[in-house]
Protein backbone atom coordinates (compact mmCIF):
# COMPACT_ATOMS: atom_id res chain seq x y z
CA MET A 1 -0.01 0.00 -0.01
CA ARG A 2 1.40 3.37 -0.99
CA ILE A 3 1.43 6.12 1.64
CA GLU A 4 -0.16 9.46 0.78
CA LYS A 5 2.22 12.28 -0.14
CA THR A 6 1.22 15.60 1.46
CA ASN A 7 2.17 19.20 1.01
CA ASN A 8 3.23 19.33 4.68
CA HIS A 9 6.56 18.27 6.16
CA LEU A 10 6.47 15.48 8.64
CA ASN A 11 7.41 17.38 11.78
CA GLY A 12 10.70 16.30 13.37
CA VAL A 13 11.74 13.99 10.52
CA LYS A 14 14.88 14.79 8.47
CA CYS A 15 15.26 12.82 5.24
CA VAL A 16 18.36 13.24 3.05
CA VAL A 17 17.40 10.50 0.60
CA ASN A 18 16.72 12.74 -2.38
CA THR A 19 15.77 9.74 -4.53
CA CYS A 20 12.67 9.09 -2.45
CA HIS A 21 9.19 10.00 -3.68
CA TYR A 22 8.46 11.70 -0.34
CA HIS A 23 11.67 13.77 -0.19
CA SER A 24 11.18 17.56 -0.19
CA ASP A 25 13.71 20.38 -0.62
CA GLY A 26 15.45 21.14 2.62
CA ASP A 27 15.70 17.45 3.49
CA TYR A 28 12.12 17.14 4.64
CA CYS A 29 9.76 14.15 4.43
CA ASN A 30 6.31 14.76 2.95
CA ALA A 31 4.84 11.31 3.63
CA ALA A 32 1.63 11.29 5.67
CA LYS A 33 3.31 8.73 7.93
CA ILE A 34 6.48 6.62 8.02
CA GLU A 35 7.27 3.08 9.03
CA ILE A 36 10.67 2.03 10.29
CA GLN A 37 11.54 -1.70 10.34
CA PRO A 38 12.40 -4.33 11.62
CA ARG A 39 10.69 -4.75 14.97
CA ASN A 40 13.66 -6.23 16.84
CA ALA A 41 16.45 -4.06 15.48
CA SER A 42 19.30 -3.64 17.94
CA ASN A 43 21.31 -0.92 16.21
CA THR A 44 21.08 1.78 13.53
CA GLU A 45 22.53 -0.43 10.80
CA GLU A 46 19.66 -2.88 11.22
CA THR A 47 16.94 -0.28 10.66
CA ASP A 48 15.18 0.53 7.43
CA CYS A 49 12.62 3.12 6.27
CA ALA A 50 9.90 0.88 4.88
CA THR A 51 8.12 3.95 3.57
CA PHE A 52 10.83 4.60 0.96
CA THR A 53 9.51 4.64 -2.58
CA PRO A 54 11.79 5.54 -5.52
CA SER A 55 11.16 8.92 -7.03
CA MET A 56 9.73 9.02 -10.61
CA LYS A 57 11.67 12.15 -11.48
């Protein structure tokens, strides 16, 4: 299921992945919500933004 892209920045979220559909100038995320996985991650390297969708630019 694709997450809605909004015109508002997701407060408190910085996203530098400029190849993401939800990336906005200034390193903001314009997804309506985000999901970080997996549930039992024990460090930063094990986490993943499941909301990431490649940009169609």
